[in-house]
Amino acid sequence: MLPTTTLDDLLRHQDRVLTRSQLTACGVSAAAIRWNAGRNWRVLLPRVYLLSRESPTEWQRHRAALLWAGPGAVLSGPTAAALHGIRSAGPGPQVRLLVPAPKRSRQAGYATARRTCLEDRTTRRDGLQVSSVARSAVDAAVLARGPRAREAILVEAVQRRLTTVDDLAEWVYRLRVRDAASVLLALEAAASGAWSVPEHDLLALLARSSTLPEPWANPRLRTRGGLRLTTPDVWLDDVGLAVMVHSHRHHSQGDEWDDTVAADSDLVAAGVVVVGVTPRQVRRSPDAVLRRIERAHAVAADRPHPAVVASHPESPLRSHHVS
């Protein structure tokens, strides 16, 4: 029998979640395991126990899934994406894992393990082994319901600088053809520079116009004196026109919502023409929104260009300087 400190160490390290083989190795008899399972212990997954009758925490459920899946397993898909901080991943109760070949894909209870032959730069989050941000986001997007949910995941991953478009693209192109096809538009949205799905919808809408120039997404704006201005969601540089997507969900809540709307005032004070739209307007009345922006662009064209410097966020060297 191993020293009792070995069992104590496992209980601390794994927060009371142990496998049958671990308990046996620590000297717990098969009879004791059978007696306690379902009485004093919760059975979380086959041969994986929580040595308590309390409801398991999210961490304990994740740890149990990793123990059930075995050596080399990593949390993946929406489960890992949420741990990386991608809120739109919406993991739900199902825990997704990847296991290395030659292990087989399998499912039990709330855990689903999928075999993979693709190597990944895995990492750890809160002591749990997880797939890389890029792979987690792409796998989560493949499993998401509908194109907007897929776009939201990849756009958020890039907007919050958790990963890059290039890393996302690599994992998209490593997918099976069918799976890759389902997320190509989402990858395009992430590459557009939009900070949210509504912003990407707006960029796509403006691209339909025959009169508007190519829009810039989220450029940096400064006055000629160097004062930093609010970053507009979309910028039409030829006339100095800003379009702001006012969304409670994607920008702020409560008092911060008031700040978001009030932030337009510094652009107006700098001479910038500002057009405000909402995601609902873009979604339900796209033609009306496009006409309104085209009219505002025509009005701005008859005015002097505002005394601001605009630069692309991805390349400070690509900028328009007011003479």
Protein backbone atom coordinates (compact mmCIF):
# COMPACT_ATOMS: atom_id res chain seq x y z
CA MET A 1 0.00 0.00 0.00
CA LEU A 2 1.23 3.51 -0.83
CA PRO A 3 1.59 6.04 2.00
CA THR A 4 -1.66 7.82 2.89
CA THR A 5 -0.02 11.13 1.99
CA THR A 6 -0.19 10.01 -1.66
CA LEU A 7 -3.98 9.89 -1.47
CA ASP A 8 -4.06 13.20 0.39
CA ASP A 9 -1.89 14.79 -2.30
CA LEU A 10 -4.18 13.54 -5.04
CA LEU A 11 -7.24 14.80 -3.21
CA ARG A 12 -5.71 18.27 -2.97
CA HIS A 13 -4.25 18.38 -6.47
CA GLN A 14 -7.38 17.05 -8.19
CA ASP A 15 -9.92 18.67 -5.86
CA ARG A 16 -11.31 15.32 -4.66
CA VAL A 17 -11.81 13.93 -8.18
CA LEU A 18 -10.09 10.54 -8.59
CA THR A 19 -10.25 7.54 -10.86
CA ARG A 20 -10.83 3.99 -9.74
CA SER A 21 -7.24 3.08 -10.65
CA GLN A 22 -5.89 5.98 -8.59
CA LEU A 23 -7.93 4.93 -5.58
CA THR A 24 -6.78 1.33 -5.95
CA ALA A 25 -3.14 2.42 -6.25
CA CYS A 26 -3.55 4.36 -3.02
CA GLY A 27 -4.75 1.26 -1.20
CA VAL A 28 -8.52 1.74 -1.35
CA SER A 29 -10.12 -1.69 -1.77
CA ALA A 30 -12.58 -2.54 -4.53
CA ALA A 31 -15.19 -3.25 -1.86
CA ALA A 32 -14.71 0.21 -0.33
CA ILE A 33 -15.05 1.83 -3.74
CA ARG A 34 -18.27 -0.07 -4.46
CA TRP A 35 -19.69 0.84 -1.04
CA ASN A 36 -18.94 4.56 -1.28
CA ALA A 37 -19.85 5.07 -4.94
CA GLY A 38 -23.37 6.47 -5.03
CA ARG A 39 -23.54 6.72 -1.24
CA ASN A 40 -20.77 8.97 -0.02
CA TRP A 41 -19.23 9.72 -3.41
CA ARG A 42 -20.64 11.01 -6.66
CA VAL A 43 -19.95 9.00 -9.80
CA LEU A 44 -19.18 11.72 -12.36
CA LEU A 45 -18.15 9.48 -15.26
CA PRO A 46 -17.33 5.77 -15.65
CA ARG A 47 -14.67 4.92 -13.04
CA VAL A 48 -14.29 8.59 -12.06
CA TYR A 49 -15.52 9.73 -8.66
CA LEU A 50 -16.00 12.92 -6.69
CA LEU A 51 -15.25 12.02 -3.09
CA SER A 52 -18.18 14.08 -1.85
CA ARG A 53 -21.95 14.28 -2.25
CA GLU A 54 -21.76 17.97 -3.19
CA SER A 55 -22.64 19.09 -6.70
CA PRO A 56 -19.45 19.19 -8.78
CA THR A 57 -17.97 22.52 -9.78
CA GLU A 58 -17.16 23.29 -13.40
CA TRP A 59 -13.48 22.67 -12.67
CA GLN A 60 -14.26 19.27 -11.12
CA ARG A 61 -16.37 18.29 -14.14
CA HIS A 62 -13.51 19.27 -16.45
CA ARG A 63 -10.95 17.40 -14.35
CA ALA A 64 -13.16 14.32 -14.30
CA ALA A 65 -13.51 14.44 -18.09
CA LEU A 66 -9.74 14.64 -18.55
CA LEU A 67 -9.21 11.71 -16.18
CA TRP A 68 -11.87 9.67 -17.97
CA ALA A 69 -10.36 10.42 -21.40
CA GLY A 70 -6.92 9.34 -20.23
CA PRO A 71 -3.30 10.43 -20.82
CA GLY A 72 -2.78 12.92 -23.63
CA ALA A 73 -6.36 14.21 -23.53
CA VAL A 74 -7.02 17.95 -23.73
CA LEU A 75 -10.14 20.04 -23.36
CA SER A 76 -11.19 21.34 -26.76
CA GLY A 77 -13.84 23.10 -28.82
CA PRO A 78 -16.32 25.35 -27.00
CA THR A 79 -15.16 23.99 -23.62
CA ALA A 80 -11.58 25.15 -24.20
CA ALA A 81 -12.65 28.32 -26.02
CA ALA A 82 -14.63 29.42 -22.98
CA LEU A 83 -11.65 28.73 -20.72
CA HIS A 84 -9.53 30.92 -23.02
CA GLY A 85 -12.02 33.74 -22.46
CA ILE A 86 -14.12 33.56 -25.65
CA ARG A 87 -17.51 34.36 -24.16
CA SER A 88 -19.49 33.78 -27.34
CA ALA A 89 -18.37 30.13 -27.45
CA GLY A 90 -21.30 29.13 -25.23
CA PRO A 91 -19.88 25.79 -24.05
CA GLY A 92 -23.03 24.43 -22.43
CA PRO A 93 -22.97 21.35 -20.17
CA GLN A 94 -21.20 19.06 -22.66
CA VAL A 95 -17.42 18.82 -22.15
CA ARG A 96 -15.46 18.37 -25.38
CA LEU A 97 -12.04 16.71 -25.49
CA LEU A 98 -9.42 15.63 -27.99
CA VAL A 99 -7.48 12.40 -27.56
CA PRO A 100 -4.40 11.38 -29.56
CA ALA A 101 -4.44 8.51 -32.03
CA PRO A 102 -4.57 5.54 -31.78
CA LYS A 103 -7.17 6.13 -29.07
CA ARG A 104 -10.73 5.95 -30.34
CA SER A 105 -13.46 8.57 -30.22
CA ARG A 106 -16.03 7.85 -27.52
CA GLN A 107 -18.72 9.42 -25.39
CA ALA A 108 -19.98 8.95 -21.86
CA GLY A 109 -22.38 11.11 -19.90
CA TYR A 110 -21.47 14.75 -20.36
CA ALA A 111 -18.03 14.06 -21.91
CA THR A 112 -17.24 13.57 -25.59
CA ALA A 113 -13.71 12.62 -26.68
CA ARG A 114 -12.74 12.88 -30.35
CA ARG A 115 -9.63 11.27 -31.79
CA THR A 116 -7.19 13.56 -33.59
CA CYS A 117 -4.02 13.03 -35.57
CA LEU A 118 -3.25 16.76 -35.76
CA GLU A 119 -0.57 18.09 -33.44
CA ASP A 120 -1.30 21.26 -31.51
CA ARG A 121 0.49 23.64 -29.17
CA THR A 122 -1.56 22.85 -26.10
CA THR A 123 -1.51 24.98 -22.99
CA ARG A 124 -2.87 24.98 -19.44
CA ARG A 125 -5.70 27.01 -17.96
CA ASP A 126 -6.23 26.83 -14.22
CA GLY A 127 -4.26 23.60 -14.10
CA LEU A 128 -6.25 21.97 -16.91
CA GLN A 129 -4.75 20.93 -20.24
CA VAL A 130 -6.50 22.69 -23.14
CA SER A 131 -6.01 23.01 -26.89
CA SER A 132 -4.57 26.23 -28.32
CA VAL A 133 -6.75 29.32 -28.62
CA ALA A 134 -6.85 29.12 -32.41
CA ARG A 135 -7.80 25.46 -32.55
CA SER A 136 -10.31 25.84 -29.73
CA ALA A 137 -12.00 28.76 -31.50
CA VAL A 138 -12.13 27.02 -34.87
CA ASP A 139 -13.43 23.76 -33.39
CA ALA A 140 -16.03 25.72 -31.42
CA ALA A 141 -17.09 27.53 -34.60
CA VAL A 142 -17.52 24.23 -36.45
CA LEU A 143 -19.86 23.02 -33.69
CA ALA A 144 -21.76 26.32 -33.41
CA ARG A 145 -25.34 26.55 -34.62
CA GLY A 146 -25.59 28.89 -37.57
CA PRO A 147 -23.29 31.31 -39.39
CA ARG A 148 -23.75 34.23 -36.99
CA ALA A 149 -22.68 32.13 -34.01
CA ARG A 150 -19.61 30.99 -35.95
CA GLU A 151 -18.73 34.56 -36.87
CA ALA A 152 -19.17 35.74 -33.29
CA ILE A 153 -16.64 33.19 -32.00
CA LEU A 154 -13.88 33.93 -34.52
CA VAL A 155 -14.43 37.71 -34.50
CA GLU A 156 -14.24 37.80 -30.69
CA ALA A 157 -11.09 35.67 -30.64
CA VAL A 158 -9.31 38.13 -32.94
CA GLN A 159 -10.86 41.33 -31.57
CA ARG A 160 -9.76 40.49 -28.03
CA ARG A 161 -6.29 39.60 -29.35
CA LEU A 162 -6.47 36.07 -28.01
CA THR A 163 -5.18 34.78 -31.34
CA THR A 164 -4.49 35.97 -34.89
CA VAL A 165 -6.29 35.62 -38.18
CA ASP A 166 -3.31 33.70 -39.54
CA ASP A 167 -3.48 31.14 -36.73
CA LEU A 168 -7.23 30.75 -37.20
CA ALA A 169 -6.76 30.32 -40.95
CA GLU A 170 -4.18 27.59 -40.41
CA TRP A 171 -6.63 25.52 -38.39
CA VAL A 172 -9.50 26.19 -40.77
CA TYR A 173 -7.43 24.92 -43.69
CA ARG A 174 -6.43 21.81 -41.72
CA LEU A 175 -10.07 20.81 -41.30
CA ARG A 176 -11.91 18.36 -43.46
CA VAL A 177 -13.33 20.07 -46.55
CA ARG A 178 -16.91 19.95 -45.27
CA ASP A 179 -16.03 21.42 -41.87
CA ALA A 180 -13.77 24.08 -43.40
CA ALA A 181 -16.53 25.20 -45.74
CA SER A 182 -18.82 25.83 -42.78
CA VAL A 183 -16.46 28.37 -41.18
CA LEU A 184 -14.86 30.13 -44.16
CA LEU A 185 -17.30 33.04 -43.97
CA ALA A 186 -16.65 33.31 -40.24
CA LEU A 187 -12.92 33.47 -40.95
CA GLU A 188 -13.60 36.23 -43.48
CA ALA A 189 -15.51 38.14 -40.81
CA ALA A 190 -12.60 37.82 -38.39
CA ALA A 191 -10.21 39.07 -41.07
CA SER A 192 -12.37 42.11 -41.86
CA GLY A 193 -11.16 44.03 -38.81
CA ALA A 194 -14.65 44.21 -37.33
CA TRP A 195 -14.89 44.07 -33.56
CA SER A 196 -18.26 42.32 -33.54
CA VAL A 197 -20.66 40.53 -35.84
CA PRO A 198 -22.88 43.65 -36.22
CA GLU A 199 -19.84 45.60 -37.37
CA HIS A 200 -19.03 42.91 -39.92
CA ASP A 201 -22.62 43.03 -41.15
CA LEU A 202 -22.23 46.78 -41.61
CA LEU A 203 -18.99 46.39 -43.56
CA ALA A 204 -20.64 43.84 -45.83
CA LEU A 205 -23.56 46.22 -46.35
CA LEU A 206 -21.31 49.15 -47.30
CA ALA A 207 -19.46 46.94 -49.78
CA ARG A 208 -22.69 46.81 -51.80
CA SER A 209 -22.61 50.55 -52.45
CA SER A 210 -21.55 51.85 -55.86
CA THR A 211 -20.75 55.33 -54.52
CA LEU A 212 -18.97 54.79 -51.20
CA PRO A 213 -15.20 54.25 -50.93
CA GLU A 214 -13.68 51.21 -49.25
CA PRO A 215 -14.54 51.47 -45.54
CA TRP A 216 -11.95 51.23 -42.78
CA ALA A 217 -12.81 49.14 -39.73
CA ASN A 218 -11.90 50.57 -36.32
CA PRO A 219 -9.13 52.99 -37.39
CA ARG A 220 -7.13 55.08 -34.96
CA LEU A 221 -8.11 58.75 -35.03
CA ARG A 222 -6.15 61.71 -33.68
CA THR A 223 -6.45 65.45 -34.02
CA ARG A 224 -3.64 67.33 -35.70
CA GLY A 225 -2.52 68.24 -32.19
CA GLY A 226 -2.16 64.54 -31.31
CA LEU A 227 -5.30 64.15 -29.17
CA ARG A 228 -6.69 60.60 -29.38
CA LEU A 229 -10.32 60.45 -30.49
CA THR A 230 -12.97 57.78 -30.14
CA THR A 231 -12.38 54.86 -32.51
CA PRO A 232 -15.28 54.69 -34.97
CA ASP A 233 -16.64 51.30 -35.97
CA VAL A 234 -16.41 52.27 -39.64
CA TRP A 235 -14.54 55.17 -41.23
CA LEU A 236 -14.89 56.63 -44.74
CA ASP A 237 -11.58 58.39 -45.08
CA ASP A 238 -12.17 60.41 -48.23
CA VAL A 239 -14.65 62.72 -46.47
CA GLY A 240 -13.96 61.98 -42.80
CA LEU A 241 -17.25 60.23 -42.01
CA ALA A 242 -17.70 57.91 -39.03
CA VAL A 243 -20.35 55.24 -38.62
CA MET A 244 -21.02 53.98 -35.10
CA VAL A 245 -22.85 50.75 -34.31
CA HIS A 246 -24.65 51.34 -31.03
CA SER A 247 -25.22 47.95 -29.43
CA HIS A 248 -25.94 47.22 -25.77
CA ARG A 249 -24.75 43.64 -26.14
CA HIS A 250 -21.50 44.16 -28.02
CA HIS A 251 -20.26 47.39 -26.49
CA SER A 252 -21.51 48.03 -22.98
CA GLN A 253 -24.26 47.83 -20.41
CA GLY A 254 -25.78 50.12 -17.79
CA ASP A 255 -23.98 53.41 -17.29
CA GLU A 256 -21.32 52.37 -19.79
CA TRP A 257 -23.97 52.39 -22.51
CA ASP A 258 -24.47 56.11 -21.91
CA ASP A 259 -20.71 56.60 -22.18
CA THR A 260 -20.67 54.71 -25.48
CA VAL A 261 -23.29 56.98 -27.02
CA ALA A 262 -21.77 60.13 -25.50
CA ALA A 263 -18.36 59.22 -26.92
CA ASP A 264 -19.59 60.29 -30.36
CA SER A 265 -19.45 63.89 -29.16
CA ASP A 266 -15.66 64.15 -29.36
CA LEU A 267 -15.82 63.14 -33.02
CA VAL A 268 -18.49 65.75 -33.72
CA ALA A 269 -16.40 68.37 -31.91
CA ALA A 270 -13.48 67.52 -34.20
CA GLY A 271 -15.65 68.17 -37.25
CA VAL A 272 -16.39 64.54 -38.09
CA VAL A 273 -19.79 63.66 -39.54
CA VAL A 274 -21.14 60.78 -37.43
CA VAL A 275 -23.89 58.37 -38.45
CA GLY A 276 -25.30 56.13 -35.72
CA VAL A 277 -26.94 52.79 -36.49
CA THR A 278 -28.09 49.79 -34.46
CA PRO A 279 -27.58 46.10 -35.22
CA ARG A 280 -31.35 45.70 -35.58
CA GLN A 281 -31.51 48.44 -38.23
CA VAL A 282 -28.66 46.86 -40.19
CA ARG A 283 -30.30 43.45 -39.98
CA ARG A 284 -33.92 44.43 -40.66
CA SER A 285 -33.63 47.53 -42.89
CA PRO A 286 -30.26 47.27 -44.63
CA ASP A 287 -31.30 49.25 -47.72
CA ALA A 288 -32.54 52.16 -45.61
CA VAL A 289 -29.32 52.16 -43.58
CA LEU A 290 -27.20 52.14 -46.72
CA ARG A 291 -29.14 55.05 -48.24
CA ARG A 292 -28.77 57.06 -45.03
CA ILE A 293 -25.00 56.54 -44.98
CA GLU A 294 -24.72 57.39 -48.68
CA ARG A 295 -26.63 60.64 -48.09
CA ALA A 296 -24.40 61.51 -45.14
CA HIS A 297 -21.34 60.80 -47.28
CA ALA A 298 -22.63 63.19 -49.96
CA VAL A 299 -23.20 65.90 -47.35
CA ALA A 300 -19.73 65.39 -45.86
CA ALA A 301 -18.19 65.63 -49.34
CA ASP A 302 -19.39 69.25 -49.57
CA ARG A 303 -17.58 70.17 -46.33
CA PRO A 304 -13.87 70.57 -45.61
CA HIS A 305 -12.20 67.35 -44.49
CA PRO A 306 -12.01 67.31 -40.67
CA ALA A 307 -8.58 68.05 -39.19
CA VAL A 308 -7.91 64.50 -38.06
CA VAL A 309 -5.32 61.83 -38.77
CA ALA A 310 -6.72 58.35 -39.47
CA SER A 311 -4.58 55.22 -39.50
CA HIS A 312 -5.40 51.56 -39.97
CA PRO A 313 -5.10 49.67 -36.65
CA GLU A 314 -3.11 46.86 -38.22
CA SER A 315 -0.65 49.19 -39.95
CA PRO A 316 0.10 52.61 -38.45
CA LEU A 317 2.06 53.46 -41.63
CA ARG A 318 -1.11 53.32 -43.75
CA SER A 319 -2.60 56.66 -42.82
CA HIS A 320 -4.20 59.78 -44.17
CA HIS A 321 -2.61 63.01 -43.02
CA VAL A 322 -4.41 66.31 -43.20
CA SER A 323 -2.34 68.98 -44.88
